[in-house]
Amino acid sequence: MQSVNDILEFHFLPSAFQQTAQKIIPTTLTQLNDIRIDKLKKITEQVGAASFNFNGNNLIPQVFKNSNPPFKLIILALTGEN
């Protein structure tokens, strides 16, 4: 009886898969991502990690407070701020 590999004519060595898997993501793309991550880490160090802690309760009012006056009135009414 033939094996599945013989029926499908699928004759690859496991080492060939390992070599191919290592080349799936080009090294240039990996290096570019590393550079971008380093830039973001530097920004976080300069600004402070606390600047990036947001939740729905404080992010949305901050965005609308910096927008048009009608939105400011709505947010102020919802949050109870003066």
Protein backbone atom coordinates (compact mmCIF):
# COMPACT_ATOMS: atom_id res chain seq x y z
CA MET A 1 0.00 0.00 0.00
CA GLN A 2 1.28 3.45 -0.91
CA SER A 3 1.82 6.12 1.69
CA VAL A 4 0.12 9.50 1.54
CA ASN A 5 3.41 11.09 0.48
CA ASP A 6 3.72 8.64 -2.41
CA ILE A 7 0.12 9.20 -3.54
CA LEU A 8 0.52 13.00 -3.45
CA GLU A 9 4.05 12.78 -4.85
CA PHE A 10 5.16 14.79 -1.88
CA HIS A 11 8.84 14.00 -1.42
CA PHE A 12 10.53 16.64 0.71
CA LEU A 13 13.02 16.16 3.48
CA PRO A 14 12.29 17.69 6.90
CA SER A 15 15.58 19.57 6.69
CA ALA A 16 14.31 21.32 3.54
CA PHE A 17 11.31 22.61 5.50
CA GLN A 18 13.57 23.87 8.28
CA GLN A 19 15.77 25.76 5.82
CA THR A 20 12.77 27.27 4.06
CA ALA A 21 11.15 28.29 7.34
CA GLN A 22 14.23 30.24 8.33
CA LYS A 23 14.02 32.27 5.12
CA ILE A 24 10.29 33.07 5.19
CA ILE A 25 10.74 36.52 6.75
CA PRO A 26 13.52 38.45 5.03
CA THR A 27 16.28 39.68 7.32
CA THR A 28 15.80 43.22 6.01
CA LEU A 29 12.20 43.21 7.25
CA THR A 30 13.30 41.89 10.63
CA GLN A 31 15.97 44.59 10.87
CA LEU A 32 13.48 47.30 9.86
CA ASN A 33 11.07 46.16 12.57
CA ASP A 34 13.88 46.18 15.14
CA ILE A 35 14.77 49.75 14.16
CA ARG A 36 11.15 50.84 14.50
CA ILE A 37 10.81 49.16 17.88
CA ASP A 38 13.98 50.88 19.07
CA LYS A 39 12.58 54.26 17.97
CA LEU A 40 9.36 53.62 19.88
CA LYS A 41 11.31 52.59 22.98
CA LYS A 42 13.35 55.82 22.80
CA ILE A 43 10.16 57.89 22.53
CA THR A 44 8.72 56.02 25.51
CA GLU A 45 11.87 56.73 27.53
CA GLN A 46 11.80 60.43 26.62
CA VAL A 47 8.10 60.98 27.25
CA GLY A 48 7.62 58.44 29.99
CA ALA A 49 5.65 55.22 29.94
CA ALA A 50 2.82 56.79 31.97
CA SER A 51 2.00 59.00 28.97
CA PHE A 52 0.86 55.89 27.11
CA ASN A 53 -1.48 54.52 29.76
CA PHE A 54 -5.00 55.19 28.51
CA ASN A 55 -8.39 53.86 29.34
CA GLY A 56 -11.79 54.66 27.91
CA ASN A 57 -12.72 56.88 30.84
CA ASN A 58 -9.94 59.39 30.35
CA LEU A 59 -9.00 59.04 26.67
CA ILE A 60 -12.31 59.95 25.05
CA PRO A 61 -12.95 63.11 27.10
CA GLN A 62 -9.39 64.29 26.38
CA VAL A 63 -9.92 63.91 22.65
CA PHE A 64 -13.22 65.78 22.63
CA LYS A 65 -11.99 68.56 24.92
CA ASN A 66 -9.48 69.45 22.22
CA SER A 67 -12.14 69.48 19.50
CA ASN A 68 -14.98 71.78 18.48
CA PRO A 69 -17.00 73.63 21.15
CA PRO A 70 -20.24 71.61 20.73
CA PHE A 71 -18.37 68.41 21.59
CA LYS A 72 -16.76 70.10 24.59
CA LEU A 73 -20.17 70.94 25.99
CA ILE A 74 -21.38 67.36 25.54
CA ILE A 75 -18.33 65.90 27.28
CA LEU A 76 -18.47 68.42 30.07
CA ALA A 77 -22.13 67.55 30.61
CA LEU A 78 -21.39 63.83 30.64
CA THR A 79 -18.37 64.00 32.93
CA GLY A 80 -19.71 66.68 35.25
CA GLU A 81 -16.59 68.80 34.84
CA ASN A 82 -16.70 72.57 34.74
